[in-house]
Amino acid sequence: MNRIFAALLALLAIAPASAEDAAPTDPAAASRELRAMVLALSAADLGLTRANYPHEVWGMLMETSMQGGHYTLVALADGSTSLYYSTGGGIIGAGSWPAVKAASQRFLDQGDRALDRSAPATSLQPPPLGSTRFFFLTFAGVHVGTAPDAALTRKNHRLAALFRAGHEVIAAIREATPPGEKETDGTFLSPRSD
């Protein structure tokens, strides 16, 4: 986890990077790089094996498209949780907040229960406008499930519980973010360890 978190911080120019690992200066480019990095992770990158992690789903991404872009929520079994926007900015390392960590674990648990409602990914593209796409990071590869946002707000939709669990993580992140440090200005915030 520390290696991945350090790579994310270097990518965002929050921590020093070597010359060959120079971070993009465009916040939207940084968001694209973060997304690609997470989607390319393996369980082994997090030190997870089937022997030491009892669930098939070890990571979840929830992406919702809206006019002008999309946002990406990431929760990983190592406790990493981030929220970032395709236009740039967001919060990385939010899993260090206890309420976010607990909500993220519930999101992962719900992802494990909903895995049978997904299919192996044939594309890693963000969802179309007005839709949410879930990427299930599993020991067997990336799986995906997509639905219109309007359908996900109905309790009987096959991915509605996962949608609600993802939004509980977002709510926990927003509640934990100190006033005046919201992530809407194209910058990336990292929680302080007060």
C-alpha atoms as a PDB file:
ATOM      1  CA  MET A   1       0.000   0.000   0.000  1.00  0.00           C
ATOM      2  CA  ASN A   2       2.733   2.486   0.885  1.00  0.00           C
ATOM      3  CA  ARG A   3       4.414   1.978  -2.503  1.00  0.00           C
ATOM      4  CA  ILE A   4       1.153   2.616  -4.373  1.00  0.00           C
ATOM      5  CA  PHE A   5       0.264   5.621  -2.217  1.00  0.00           C
ATOM      6  CA  ALA A   6       3.752   7.081  -2.767  1.00  0.00           C
ATOM      7  CA  ALA A   7       3.374   6.601  -6.520  1.00  0.00           C
ATOM      8  CA  LEU A   8       0.024   8.405  -6.416  1.00  0.00           C
ATOM      9  CA  LEU A   9       1.492  11.269  -4.421  1.00  0.00           C
ATOM     10  CA  ALA A  10       4.411  11.552  -6.834  1.00  0.00           C
ATOM     11  CA  LEU A  11       2.046  11.492  -9.786  1.00  0.00           C
ATOM     12  CA  LEU A  12       0.137  14.393  -8.286  1.00  0.00           C
ATOM     13  CA  ALA A  13       3.298  16.323  -7.420  1.00  0.00           C
ATOM     14  CA  ILE A  14       2.453  16.121  -3.719  1.00  0.00           C
ATOM     15  CA  ALA A  15       5.659  14.197  -3.070  1.00  0.00           C
ATOM     16  CA  PRO A  16       8.985  14.318  -4.882  1.00  0.00           C
ATOM     17  CA  ALA A  17       9.244  12.320  -8.082  1.00  0.00           C
ATOM     18  CA  SER A  18      12.283  11.347 -10.053  1.00  0.00           C
ATOM     19  CA  ALA A  19      12.860  13.076 -13.379  1.00  0.00           C
ATOM     20  CA  GLU A  20      11.641  10.037 -15.323  1.00  0.00           C
ATOM     21  CA  ASP A  21       8.475   9.894 -13.184  1.00  0.00           C
ATOM     22  CA  ALA A  22       7.586  13.562 -13.647  1.00  0.00           C
ATOM     23  CA  ALA A  23       3.946  14.238 -12.807  1.00  0.00           C
ATOM     24  CA  PRO A  24       1.558  15.700 -15.350  1.00  0.00           C
ATOM     25  CA  THR A  25       0.894  19.382 -14.713  1.00  0.00           C
ATOM     26  CA  ASP A  26      -2.657  19.192 -16.082  1.00  0.00           C
ATOM     27  CA  PRO A  27      -5.094  18.098 -13.316  1.00  0.00           C
ATOM     28  CA  ALA A  28      -7.306  16.284 -15.849  1.00  0.00           C
ATOM     29  CA  ALA A  29      -4.259  14.342 -17.085  1.00  0.00           C
ATOM     30  CA  ALA A  30      -3.417  13.424 -13.484  1.00  0.00           C
ATOM     31  CA  SER A  31      -6.960  12.095 -13.018  1.00  0.00           C
ATOM     32  CA  ARG A  32      -6.668   9.993 -16.178  1.00  0.00           C
ATOM     33  CA  GLU A  33      -3.318   8.619 -14.970  1.00  0.00           C
ATOM     34  CA  LEU A  34      -4.730   7.763 -11.531  1.00  0.00           C
ATOM     35  CA  ARG A  35      -7.684   5.977 -13.113  1.00  0.00           C
ATOM     36  CA  ALA A  36      -5.443   3.995 -15.458  1.00  0.00           C
ATOM     37  CA  MET A  37      -3.083   3.118 -12.605  1.00  0.00           C
ATOM     38  CA  VAL A  38      -5.878   1.738 -10.443  1.00  0.00           C
ATOM     39  CA  LEU A  39      -7.452  -0.232 -13.291  1.00  0.00           C
ATOM     40  CA  ALA A  40      -4.050  -1.805 -14.018  1.00  0.00           C
ATOM     41  CA  LEU A  41      -3.455  -2.914 -10.412  1.00  0.00           C
ATOM     42  CA  SER A  42      -3.308  -6.569  -9.512  1.00  0.00           C
ATOM     43  CA  ALA A  43      -4.114  -8.121  -6.171  1.00  0.00           C
ATOM     44  CA  ALA A  44      -0.420  -8.992  -5.884  1.00  0.00           C
ATOM     45  CA  ASP A  45       0.428  -5.262  -6.108  1.00  0.00           C
ATOM     46  CA  LEU A  46      -1.456  -4.868  -2.823  1.00  0.00           C
ATOM     47  CA  GLY A  47       0.103  -7.967  -1.285  1.00  0.00           C
ATOM     48  CA  LEU A  48      -3.169  -9.895  -1.560  1.00  0.00           C
ATOM     49  CA  THR A  49      -3.512 -13.574  -2.327  1.00  0.00           C
ATOM     50  CA  ARG A  50      -6.458 -15.928  -2.169  1.00  0.00           C
ATOM     51  CA  ALA A  51      -4.823 -17.322   0.981  1.00  0.00           C
ATOM     52  CA  ASN A  52      -4.691 -13.988   2.872  1.00  0.00           C
ATOM     53  CA  TYR A  53      -7.804 -12.274   1.464  1.00  0.00           C
ATOM     54  CA  PRO A  54     -11.044 -14.276   1.631  1.00  0.00           C
ATOM     55  CA  HIS A  55     -13.083 -12.366  -0.977  1.00  0.00           C
ATOM     56  CA  GLU A  56     -13.008 -12.408  -4.763  1.00  0.00           C
ATOM     57  CA  VAL A  57     -13.467  -8.611  -5.077  1.00  0.00           C
ATOM     58  CA  TRP A  58     -10.443  -6.736  -3.702  1.00  0.00           C
ATOM     59  CA  GLY A  59     -11.171  -3.366  -5.327  1.00  0.00           C
ATOM     60  CA  MET A  60     -14.114  -1.336  -6.575  1.00  0.00           C
ATOM     61  CA  LEU A  61     -14.398   1.682  -8.830  1.00  0.00           C
ATOM     62  CA  MET A  62     -17.695   3.496  -9.211  1.00  0.00           C
ATOM     63  CA  GLU A  63     -17.801   6.028 -12.039  1.00  0.00           C
ATOM     64  CA  THR A  64     -20.713   8.301 -12.775  1.00  0.00           C
ATOM     65  CA  SER A  65     -20.858  10.431 -15.898  1.00  0.00           C
ATOM     66  CA  MET A  66     -22.419  13.835 -15.932  1.00  0.00           C
ATOM     67  CA  GLN A  67     -22.342  16.853 -18.175  1.00  0.00           C
ATOM     68  CA  GLY A  68     -18.683  17.785 -18.669  1.00  0.00           C
ATOM     69  CA  GLY A  69     -17.058  14.627 -17.306  1.00  0.00           C
ATOM     70  CA  HIS A  70     -17.267  11.948 -14.645  1.00  0.00           C
ATOM     71  CA  TYR A  71     -16.163  11.248 -11.114  1.00  0.00           C
ATOM     72  CA  THR A  72     -14.368   8.140  -9.940  1.00  0.00           C
ATOM     73  CA  LEU A  73     -14.639   6.576  -6.502  1.00  0.00           C
ATOM     74  CA  VAL A  74     -11.937   4.006  -5.703  1.00  0.00           C
ATOM     75  CA  ALA A  75     -11.927   1.621  -2.733  1.00  0.00           C
ATOM     76  CA  LEU A  76      -9.233  -1.043  -2.337  1.00  0.00           C
ATOM     77  CA  ALA A  77      -8.881  -3.896   0.136  1.00  0.00           C
ATOM     78  CA  ASP A  78      -5.650  -2.390   1.519  1.00  0.00           C
ATOM     79  CA  GLY A  79      -7.701   0.526   2.884  1.00  0.00           C
ATOM     80  CA  SER A  80      -6.959   2.976   0.059  1.00  0.00           C
ATOM     81  CA  THR A  81      -9.941   5.145  -0.834  1.00  0.00           C
ATOM     82  CA  SER A  82      -9.963   8.072  -3.256  1.00  0.00           C
ATOM     83  CA  LEU A  83     -12.451  10.266  -5.073  1.00  0.00           C
ATOM     84  CA  TYR A  84     -11.414  12.230  -8.127  1.00  0.00           C
ATOM     85  CA  TYR A  85     -12.860  14.005 -11.122  1.00  0.00           C
ATOM     86  CA  SER A  86     -12.090  13.586 -14.807  1.00  0.00           C
ATOM     87  CA  THR A  87     -11.653  17.357 -15.043  1.00  0.00           C
ATOM     88  CA  GLY A  88      -9.017  17.236 -12.295  1.00  0.00           C
ATOM     89  CA  GLY A  89      -8.962  17.414  -8.541  1.00  0.00           C
ATOM     90  CA  GLY A  90     -10.144  15.117  -5.828  1.00  0.00           C
ATOM     91  CA  ILE A  91      -9.132  13.483  -2.579  1.00  0.00           C
ATOM     92  CA  ILE A  92      -6.619  10.662  -2.355  1.00  0.00           C
ATOM     93  CA  GLY A  93      -5.896   8.662   0.781  1.00  0.00           C
ATOM     94  CA  ALA A  94      -9.352   9.228   2.271  1.00  0.00           C
ATOM     95  CA  GLY A  95      -9.286   5.693   3.695  1.00  0.00           C
ATOM     96  CA  SER A  96      -7.147   7.030   6.546  1.00  0.00           C
ATOM     97  CA  TRP A  97     -10.333   8.545   8.018  1.00  0.00           C
ATOM     98  CA  PRO A  98     -12.072   5.863  10.154  1.00  0.00           C
ATOM     99  CA  ALA A  99     -15.611   6.604   8.895  1.00  0.00           C
ATOM    100  CA  VAL A 100     -14.420   6.457   5.275  1.00  0.00           C
ATOM    101  CA  LYS A 101     -12.516   3.227   5.915  1.00  0.00           C
ATOM    102  CA  ALA A 102     -15.637   1.598   7.372  1.00  0.00           C
ATOM    103  CA  ALA A 103     -17.858   2.796   4.509  1.00  0.00           C
ATOM    104  CA  SER A 104     -15.272   1.617   1.976  1.00  0.00           C
ATOM    105  CA  GLN A 105     -15.224  -1.860   3.508  1.00  0.00           C
ATOM    106  CA  ARG A 106     -19.026  -2.010   3.231  1.00  0.00           C
ATOM    107  CA  PHE A 107     -18.731  -0.948  -0.427  1.00  0.00           C
ATOM    108  CA  LEU A 108     -16.196  -3.740  -1.064  1.00  0.00           C
ATOM    109  CA  ASP A 109     -18.411  -6.260   0.737  1.00  0.00           C
ATOM    110  CA  GLN A 110     -21.379  -5.195  -1.375  1.00  0.00           C
ATOM    111  CA  GLY A 111     -19.201  -5.463  -4.493  1.00  0.00           C
ATOM    112  CA  ASP A 112     -18.358  -9.033  -3.559  1.00  0.00           C
ATOM    113  CA  ARG A 113     -22.084  -9.806  -3.183  1.00  0.00           C
ATOM    114  CA  ALA A 114     -22.892  -8.105  -6.519  1.00  0.00           C
ATOM    115  CA  LEU A 115     -20.090  -9.717  -8.549  1.00  0.00           C
ATOM    116  CA  ASP A 116     -22.515 -12.201 -10.123  1.00  0.00           C
ATOM    117  CA  ARG A 117     -24.358  -9.200 -11.604  1.00  0.00           C
ATOM    118  CA  SER A 118     -21.298  -8.160 -13.609  1.00  0.00           C
ATOM    119  CA  ALA A 119     -19.442  -9.506 -16.628  1.00  0.00           C
ATOM    120  CA  PRO A 120     -15.761  -9.671 -17.593  1.00  0.00           C
ATOM    121  CA  ALA A 121     -14.711  -6.242 -18.866  1.00  0.00           C
ATOM    122  CA  THR A 122     -14.327  -5.838 -22.601  1.00  0.00           C
ATOM    123  CA  SER A 123     -13.763  -2.094 -22.236  1.00  0.00           C
ATOM    124  CA  LEU A 124     -12.470   0.139 -19.476  1.00  0.00           C
ATOM    125  CA  GLN A 125     -14.128   3.285 -20.810  1.00  0.00           C
ATOM    126  CA  PRO A 126     -16.029   5.601 -18.467  1.00  0.00           C
ATOM    127  CA  PRO A 127     -19.812   5.253 -18.559  1.00  0.00           C
ATOM    128  CA  PRO A 128     -22.054   7.111 -20.975  1.00  0.00           C
ATOM    129  CA  LEU A 129     -23.736  10.325 -19.827  1.00  0.00           C
ATOM    130  CA  GLY A 130     -26.397   9.694 -17.194  1.00  0.00           C
ATOM    131  CA  SER A 131     -25.012   6.289 -16.224  1.00  0.00           C
ATOM    132  CA  THR A 132     -22.844   4.721 -13.565  1.00  0.00           C
ATOM    133  CA  ARG A 133     -20.308   2.002 -14.281  1.00  0.00           C
ATOM    134  CA  PHE A 134     -18.869  -0.288 -11.616  1.00  0.00           C
ATOM    135  CA  PHE A 135     -15.477  -1.889 -12.123  1.00  0.00           C
ATOM    136  CA  PHE A 136     -14.968  -4.946  -9.914  1.00  0.00           C
ATOM    137  CA  LEU A 137     -11.255  -5.660  -9.413  1.00  0.00           C
ATOM    138  CA  THR A 138     -11.028  -9.401  -8.788  1.00  0.00           C
ATOM    139  CA  PHE A 139      -8.458 -12.186  -8.645  1.00  0.00           C
ATOM    140  CA  ALA A 140      -9.847 -13.302 -12.028  1.00  0.00           C
ATOM    141  CA  GLY A 141      -9.545  -9.851 -13.658  1.00  0.00           C
ATOM    142  CA  VAL A 142     -11.732  -6.778 -14.064  1.00  0.00           C
ATOM    143  CA  HIS A 143     -15.491  -7.203 -14.264  1.00  0.00           C
ATOM    144  CA  VAL A 144     -17.968  -4.464 -15.095  1.00  0.00           C
ATOM    145  CA  GLY A 145     -21.605  -3.571 -14.533  1.00  0.00           C
ATOM    146  CA  THR A 146     -23.338  -0.472 -15.909  1.00  0.00           C
ATOM    147  CA  ALA A 147     -26.774   1.020 -15.396  1.00  0.00           C
ATOM    148  CA  PRO A 148     -28.601   4.323 -15.954  1.00  0.00           C
ATOM    149  CA  ASP A 149     -28.532   6.487 -12.831  1.00  0.00           C
ATOM    150  CA  ALA A 150     -32.337   6.734 -12.809  1.00  0.00           C
ATOM    151  CA  ALA A 151     -32.593   2.934 -12.605  1.00  0.00           C
ATOM    152  CA  LEU A 152     -30.017   2.726  -9.805  1.00  0.00           C
ATOM    153  CA  THR A 153     -32.132   4.918  -7.555  1.00  0.00           C
ATOM    154  CA  ARG A 154     -34.839   2.223  -7.541  1.00  0.00           C
ATOM    155  CA  LYS A 155     -34.287  -0.278  -4.736  1.00  0.00           C
ATOM    156  CA  ASN A 156     -35.116  -3.264  -6.936  1.00  0.00           C
ATOM    157  CA  HIS A 157     -32.359  -2.696  -9.524  1.00  0.00           C
ATOM    158  CA  ARG A 158     -29.704  -5.444  -9.459  1.00  0.00           C
ATOM    159  CA  LEU A 159     -26.913  -2.905  -8.726  1.00  0.00           C
ATOM    160  CA  ALA A 160     -28.905  -0.472  -6.526  1.00  0.00           C
ATOM    161  CA  ALA A 161     -27.411  -1.666  -3.219  1.00  0.00           C
ATOM    162  CA  LEU A 162     -23.894  -1.274  -4.654  1.00  0.00           C
ATOM    163  CA  PHE A 163     -24.780   2.239  -5.884  1.00  0.00           C
ATOM    164  CA  ARG A 164     -26.039   3.176  -2.406  1.00  0.00           C
ATOM    165  CA  ALA A 165     -22.924   1.708  -0.753  1.00  0.00           C
ATOM    166  CA  GLY A 166     -20.700   3.762  -3.078  1.00  0.00           C
ATOM    167  CA  HIS A 167     -22.611   6.919  -2.254  1.00  0.00           C
ATOM    168  CA  GLU A 168     -22.208   6.183   1.458  1.00  0.00           C
ATOM    169  CA  VAL A 169     -18.435   6.276   0.891  1.00  0.00           C
ATOM    170  CA  ILE A 170     -18.735   9.602  -0.949  1.00  0.00           C
ATOM    171  CA  ALA A 171     -20.863  11.007   1.886  1.00  0.00           C
ATOM    172  CA  ALA A 172     -18.270   9.842   4.442  1.00  0.00           C
ATOM    173  CA  ILE A 173     -15.492  11.512   2.429  1.00  0.00           C
ATOM    174  CA  ARG A 174     -17.426  14.774   2.227  1.00  0.00           C
ATOM    175  CA  GLU A 175     -18.207  14.698   5.960  1.00  0.00           C
ATOM    176  CA  ALA A 176     -14.572  13.998   6.837  1.00  0.00           C
ATOM    177  CA  THR A 177     -13.128  16.684   4.557  1.00  0.00           C
ATOM    178  CA  PRO A 178     -12.343  19.770   6.652  1.00  0.00           C
ATOM    179  CA  PRO A 179     -14.357  22.889   5.776  1.00  0.00           C
ATOM    180  CA  GLY A 180     -12.584  25.052   3.235  1.00  0.00           C
ATOM    181  CA  GLU A 181     -10.673  22.079   1.827  1.00  0.00           C
ATOM    182  CA  LYS A 182     -13.183  20.757  -0.675  1.00  0.00           C
ATOM    183  CA  GLU A 183     -11.819  19.113  -3.810  1.00  0.00           C
ATOM    184  CA  THR A 184     -13.576  21.110  -6.516  1.00  0.00           C
ATOM    185  CA  ASP A 185     -10.805  23.462  -7.633  1.00  0.00           C
ATOM    186  CA  GLY A 186      -8.708  21.032  -9.675  1.00  0.00           C
ATOM    187  CA  THR A 187      -6.318  20.222  -6.843  1.00  0.00           C
ATOM    188  CA  PHE A 188      -5.849  16.920  -5.083  1.00  0.00           C
ATOM    189  CA  LEU A 189      -6.090  16.812  -1.330  1.00  0.00           C
ATOM    190  CA  SER A 190      -4.499  14.277   0.944  1.00  0.00           C
ATOM    191  CA  PRO A 191      -5.841  13.885   4.500  1.00  0.00           C
ATOM    192  CA  ARG A 192      -3.729  15.345   7.246  1.00  0.00           C
ATOM    193  CA  SER A 193      -2.570  13.057  10.005  1.00  0.00           C
ATOM    194  CA  ASP A 194      -3.343  15.367  12.939  1.00  0.00           C
END
